[in-house]
Amino acid sequence: MSDHDLTRQDEDISAPEFGEEESIDGYDFGNWPEIVGVFLTAGLLWLTFALNG
């Protein structure tokens, strides 16, 4: 892997090449991190307004 490969942006990579890189990673978390993030953000906002009155 060269330094050029490390600094390439997603926009510089073709769709098939991007898919290949993603499959090499081996991590497929799905949508649950975004869903959990929304609930945690909503809970934090609720706590902020509940405690500050």
PDB file of N, CA and C in Angstrom:
ATOM      1  N   MET A   1       0.851  -1.175   0.000  1.00  0.00           N
ATOM      2  CA  MET A   1       0.000   0.000   0.000  1.00  0.00           C
ATOM      3  C   MET A   1       0.897   1.239   0.000  1.00  0.00           C
ATOM      4  N   SER A   2       0.625   2.148  -0.898  1.00  0.00           N
ATOM      5  CA  SER A   2       1.432   3.360  -0.992  1.00  0.00           C
ATOM      6  C   SER A   2       0.759   4.502  -0.247  1.00  0.00           C
ATOM      7  N   ASP A   3       1.491   5.594  -0.096  1.00  0.00           N
ATOM      8  CA  ASP A   3       0.917   6.772   0.560  1.00  0.00           C
ATOM      9  C   ASP A   3      -0.249   7.325  -0.234  1.00  0.00           C
ATOM     10  N   HIS A   4      -0.187   7.183  -1.569  1.00  0.00           N
ATOM     11  CA  HIS A   4      -1.297   7.673  -2.397  1.00  0.00           C
ATOM     12  C   HIS A   4      -2.574   6.908  -2.077  1.00  0.00           C
ATOM     13  N   ASP A   5      -2.470   5.612  -1.835  1.00  0.00           N
ATOM     14  CA  ASP A   5      -3.651   4.819  -1.501  1.00  0.00           C
ATOM     15  C   ASP A   5      -4.238   5.239  -0.162  1.00  0.00           C
ATOM     16  N   LEU A   6      -3.402   5.676   0.747  1.00  0.00           N
ATOM     17  CA  LEU A   6      -3.885   6.062   2.073  1.00  0.00           C
ATOM     18  C   LEU A   6      -4.621   7.392   2.056  1.00  0.00           C
ATOM     19  N   THR A   7      -4.309   8.264   1.094  1.00  0.00           N
ATOM     20  CA  THR A   7      -4.910   9.592   1.081  1.00  0.00           C
ATOM     21  C   THR A   7      -6.015   9.738   0.047  1.00  0.00           C
ATOM     22  N   ARG A   8      -6.364   8.665  -0.652  1.00  0.00           N
ATOM     23  CA  ARG A   8      -7.427   8.747  -1.652  1.00  0.00           C
ATOM     24  C   ARG A   8      -8.773   8.925  -0.969  1.00  0.00           C
ATOM     25  N   GLN A   9      -9.597   9.758  -1.542  1.00  0.00           N
ATOM     26  CA  GLN A   9     -10.936   9.990  -1.029  1.00  0.00           C
ATOM     27  C   GLN A   9     -11.920   9.052  -1.708  1.00  0.00           C
ATOM     28  N   ASP A  10     -13.087   8.883  -1.120  1.00  0.00           N
ATOM     29  CA  ASP A  10     -14.097   8.015  -1.709  1.00  0.00           C
ATOM     30  C   ASP A  10     -14.483   8.473  -3.110  1.00  0.00           C
ATOM     31  N   GLU A  11     -14.446   9.786  -3.346  1.00  0.00           N
ATOM     32  CA  GLU A  11     -14.824  10.309  -4.650  1.00  0.00           C
ATOM     33  C   GLU A  11     -13.808   9.945  -5.728  1.00  0.00           C
ATOM     34  N   ASP A  12     -12.580   9.656  -5.344  1.00  0.00           N
ATOM     35  CA  ASP A  12     -11.532   9.301  -6.295  1.00  0.00           C
ATOM     36  C   ASP A  12     -11.553   7.827  -6.667  1.00  0.00           C
ATOM     37  N   ILE A  13     -12.384   7.041  -5.996  1.00  0.00           N
ATOM     38  CA  ILE A  13     -12.387   5.593  -6.184  1.00  0.00           C
ATOM     39  C   ILE A  13     -13.633   5.209  -6.970  1.00  0.00           C
ATOM     40  N   SER A  14     -13.477   4.326  -7.941  1.00  0.00           N
ATOM     41  CA  SER A  14     -14.631   3.853  -8.708  1.00  0.00           C
ATOM     42  C   SER A  14     -15.520   2.977  -7.821  1.00  0.00           C
ATOM     43  N   ALA A  15     -16.769   2.830  -8.215  1.00  0.00           N
ATOM     44  CA  ALA A  15     -17.721   2.054  -7.412  1.00  0.00           C
ATOM     45  C   ALA A  15     -17.274   0.610  -7.208  1.00  0.00           C
ATOM     46  N   PRO A  16     -16.833  -0.099  -8.263  1.00  0.00           N
ATOM     47  CA  PRO A  16     -16.390  -1.488  -8.024  1.00  0.00           C
ATOM     48  C   PRO A  16     -15.174  -1.568  -7.091  1.00  0.00           C
ATOM     49  N   GLU A  17     -14.258  -0.617  -7.245  1.00  0.00           N
ATOM     50  CA  GLU A  17     -13.072  -0.623  -6.384  1.00  0.00           C
ATOM     51  C   GLU A  17     -13.455  -0.334  -4.933  1.00  0.00           C
ATOM     52  N   PHE A  18     -14.411   0.583  -4.734  1.00  0.00           N
ATOM     53  CA  PHE A  18     -14.877   0.902  -3.387  1.00  0.00           C
ATOM     54  C   PHE A  18     -15.554  -0.315  -2.756  1.00  0.00           C
ATOM     55  N   GLY A  19     -16.385  -1.005  -3.525  1.00  0.00           N
ATOM     56  CA  GLY A  19     -17.044  -2.206  -3.016  1.00  0.00           C
ATOM     57  C   GLY A  19     -16.045  -3.280  -2.630  1.00  0.00           C
ATOM     58  N   GLU A  20     -14.983  -3.401  -3.435  1.00  0.00           N
ATOM     59  CA  GLU A  20     -13.941  -4.385  -3.130  1.00  0.00           C
ATOM     60  C   GLU A  20     -13.230  -4.038  -1.825  1.00  0.00           C
ATOM     61  N   GLU A  21     -12.927  -2.753  -1.635  1.00  0.00           N
ATOM     62  CA  GLU A  21     -12.277  -2.332  -0.386  1.00  0.00           C
ATOM     63  C   GLU A  21     -13.173  -2.579   0.816  1.00  0.00           C
ATOM     64  N   GLU A  22     -14.458  -2.298   0.672  1.00  0.00           N
ATOM     65  CA  GLU A  22     -15.388  -2.515   1.770  1.00  0.00           C
ATOM     66  C   GLU A  22     -15.501  -3.989   2.121  1.00  0.00           C
ATOM     67  N   SER A  23     -15.479  -4.853   1.120  1.00  0.00           N
ATOM     68  CA  SER A  23     -15.587  -6.286   1.409  1.00  0.00           C
ATOM     69  C   SER A  23     -14.322  -6.820   2.062  1.00  0.00           C
ATOM     70  N   ILE A  24     -13.178  -6.209   1.787  1.00  0.00           N
ATOM     71  CA  ILE A  24     -11.922  -6.631   2.404  1.00  0.00           C
ATOM     72  C   ILE A  24     -11.935  -6.327   3.897  1.00  0.00           C
ATOM     73  N   ASP A  25     -12.568  -5.186   4.273  1.00  0.00           N
ATOM     74  CA  ASP A  25     -12.618  -4.799   5.682  1.00  0.00           C
ATOM     75  C   ASP A  25     -13.256  -5.876   6.545  1.00  0.00           C
ATOM     76  N   GLY A  26     -14.297  -6.502   6.052  1.00  0.00           N
ATOM     77  CA  GLY A  26     -14.948  -7.580   6.778  1.00  0.00           C
ATOM     78  C   GLY A  26     -15.932  -7.121   7.835  1.00  0.00           C
ATOM     79  N   TYR A  27     -16.100  -5.823   8.006  1.00  0.00           N
ATOM     80  CA  TYR A  27     -17.039  -5.308   8.992  1.00  0.00           C
ATOM     81  C   TYR A  27     -18.289  -4.825   8.298  1.00  0.00           C
ATOM     82  N   ASP A  28     -19.428  -5.365   8.694  1.00  0.00           N
ATOM     83  CA  ASP A  28     -20.705  -4.914   8.154  1.00  0.00           C
ATOM     84  C   ASP A  28     -21.651  -4.762   9.331  1.00  0.00           C
ATOM     85  N   PHE A  29     -21.703  -3.557   9.860  1.00  0.00           N
ATOM     86  CA  PHE A  29     -22.507  -3.303  11.047  1.00  0.00           C
ATOM     87  C   PHE A  29     -23.969  -3.034  10.720  1.00  0.00           C
ATOM     88  N   GLY A  30     -24.293  -2.791   9.463  1.00  0.00           N
ATOM     89  CA  GLY A  30     -25.671  -2.486   9.100  1.00  0.00           C
ATOM     90  C   GLY A  30     -26.040  -1.085   9.537  1.00  0.00           C
ATOM     91  N   ASN A  31     -27.309  -0.901   9.879  1.00  0.00           N
ATOM     92  CA  ASN A  31     -27.807   0.430  10.244  1.00  0.00           C
ATOM     93  C   ASN A  31     -27.912   0.659  11.742  1.00  0.00           C
ATOM     94  N   TRP A  32     -27.635  -0.356  12.544  1.00  0.00           N
ATOM     95  CA  TRP A  32     -27.879  -0.181  13.972  1.00  0.00           C
ATOM     96  C   TRP A  32     -27.025   0.907  14.615  1.00  0.00           C
ATOM     97  N   PRO A  33     -25.785   1.200  14.191  1.00  0.00           N
ATOM     98  CA  PRO A  33     -25.055   2.294  14.843  1.00  0.00           C
ATOM     99  C   PRO A  33     -25.743   3.649  14.657  1.00  0.00           C
ATOM    100  N   GLU A  34     -26.331   3.885  13.476  1.00  0.00           N
ATOM    101  CA  GLU A  34     -27.041   5.138  13.257  1.00  0.00           C
ATOM    102  C   GLU A  34     -28.309   5.210  14.096  1.00  0.00           C
ATOM    103  N   ILE A  35     -29.009   4.091  14.188  1.00  0.00           N
ATOM    104  CA  ILE A  35     -30.254   4.061  14.964  1.00  0.00           C
ATOM    105  C   ILE A  35     -29.960   4.285  16.444  1.00  0.00           C
ATOM    106  N   VAL A  36     -28.955   3.618  16.967  1.00  0.00           N
ATOM    107  CA  VAL A  36     -28.569   3.803  18.368  1.00  0.00           C
ATOM    108  C   VAL A  36     -28.118   5.240  18.595  1.00  0.00           C
ATOM    109  N   GLY A  37     -27.395   5.814  17.641  1.00  0.00           N
ATOM    110  CA  GLY A  37     -26.947   7.201  17.757  1.00  0.00           C
ATOM    111  C   GLY A  37     -28.103   8.178  17.828  1.00  0.00           C
ATOM    112  N   VAL A  38     -29.144   7.934  17.049  1.00  0.00           N
ATOM    113  CA  VAL A  38     -30.322   8.805  17.084  1.00  0.00           C
ATOM    114  C   VAL A  38     -30.983   8.739  18.461  1.00  0.00           C
ATOM    115  N   PHE A  39     -31.130   7.533  18.999  1.00  0.00           N
ATOM    116  CA  PHE A  39     -31.756   7.395  20.317  1.00  0.00           C
ATOM    117  C   PHE A  39     -30.892   8.005  21.421  1.00  0.00           C
ATOM    118  N   LEU A  40     -29.593   7.821  21.342  1.00  0.00           N
ATOM    119  CA  LEU A  40     -28.716   8.428  22.350  1.00  0.00           C
ATOM    120  C   LEU A  40     -28.739   9.946  22.271  1.00  0.00           C
ATOM    121  N   THR A  41     -28.774  10.485  21.058  1.00  0.00           N
ATOM    122  CA  THR A  41     -28.848  11.936  20.896  1.00  0.00           C
ATOM    123  C   THR A  41     -30.169  12.472  21.438  1.00  0.00           C
ATOM    124  N   ALA A  42     -31.259  11.774  21.123  1.00  0.00           N
ATOM    125  CA  ALA A  42     -32.567  12.194  21.632  1.00  0.00           C
ATOM    126  C   ALA A  42     -32.591  12.133  23.161  1.00  0.00           C
ATOM    127  N   GLY A  43     -32.018  11.089  23.736  1.00  0.00           N
ATOM    128  CA  GLY A  43     -31.961  10.979  25.196  1.00  0.00           C
ATOM    129  C   GLY A  43     -31.117  12.074  25.821  1.00  0.00           C
ATOM    130  N   LEU A  44     -30.009  12.398  25.207  1.00  0.00           N
ATOM    131  CA  LEU A  44     -29.164  13.468  25.722  1.00  0.00           C
ATOM    132  C   LEU A  44     -29.865  14.820  25.644  1.00  0.00           C
ATOM    133  N   LEU A  45     -30.563  15.079  24.541  1.00  0.00           N
ATOM    134  CA  LEU A  45     -31.322  16.326  24.424  1.00  0.00           C
ATOM    135  C   LEU A  45     -32.422  16.395  25.478  1.00  0.00           C
ATOM    136  N   TRP A  46     -33.118  15.267  25.672  1.00  0.00           N
ATOM    137  CA  TRP A  46     -34.177  15.251  26.671  1.00  0.00           C
ATOM    138  C   TRP A  46     -33.610  15.522  28.068  1.00  0.00           C
ATOM    139  N   LEU A  47     -32.479  14.880  28.406  1.00  0.00           N
ATOM    140  CA  LEU A  47     -31.851  15.111  29.713  1.00  0.00           C
ATOM    141  C   LEU A  47     -31.438  16.565  29.866  1.00  0.00           C
ATOM    142  N   THR A  48     -30.884  17.138  28.818  1.00  0.00           N
ATOM    143  CA  THR A  48     -30.436  18.524  28.875  1.00  0.00           C
ATOM    144  C   THR A  48     -31.591  19.456  29.197  1.00  0.00           C
ATOM    145  N   PHE A  49     -32.714  19.286  28.489  1.00  0.00           N
ATOM    146  CA  PHE A  49     -33.863  20.168  28.729  1.00  0.00           C
ATOM    147  C   PHE A  49     -34.589  19.818  30.027  1.00  0.00           C
ATOM    148  N   ALA A  50     -34.598  18.554  30.432  1.00  0.00           N
ATOM    149  CA  ALA A  50     -35.281  18.148  31.660  1.00  0.00           C
ATOM    150  C   ALA A  50     -34.550  18.686  32.881  1.00  0.00           C
ATOM    151  N   LEU A  51     -33.219  18.685  32.841  1.00  0.00           N
ATOM    152  CA  LEU A  51     -32.462  19.123  34.007  1.00  0.00           C
ATOM    153  C   LEU A  51     -32.288  20.634  34.076  1.00  0.00           C
ATOM    154  N   ASN A  52     -32.384  21.309  32.940  1.00  0.00           N
ATOM    155  CA  ASN A  52     -32.241  22.765  32.935  1.00  0.00           C
ATOM    156  C   ASN A  52     -33.572  23.484  33.037  1.00  0.00           C
ATOM    157  N   GLY A  53     -34.665  22.777  32.970  1.00  0.00           N
ATOM    158  CA  GLY A  53     -35.987  23.330  33.146  1.00  0.00           C
ATOM    159  C   GLY A  53     -36.342  24.258  32.071  1.00  0.00           C
TER     160      GLY A  53
END
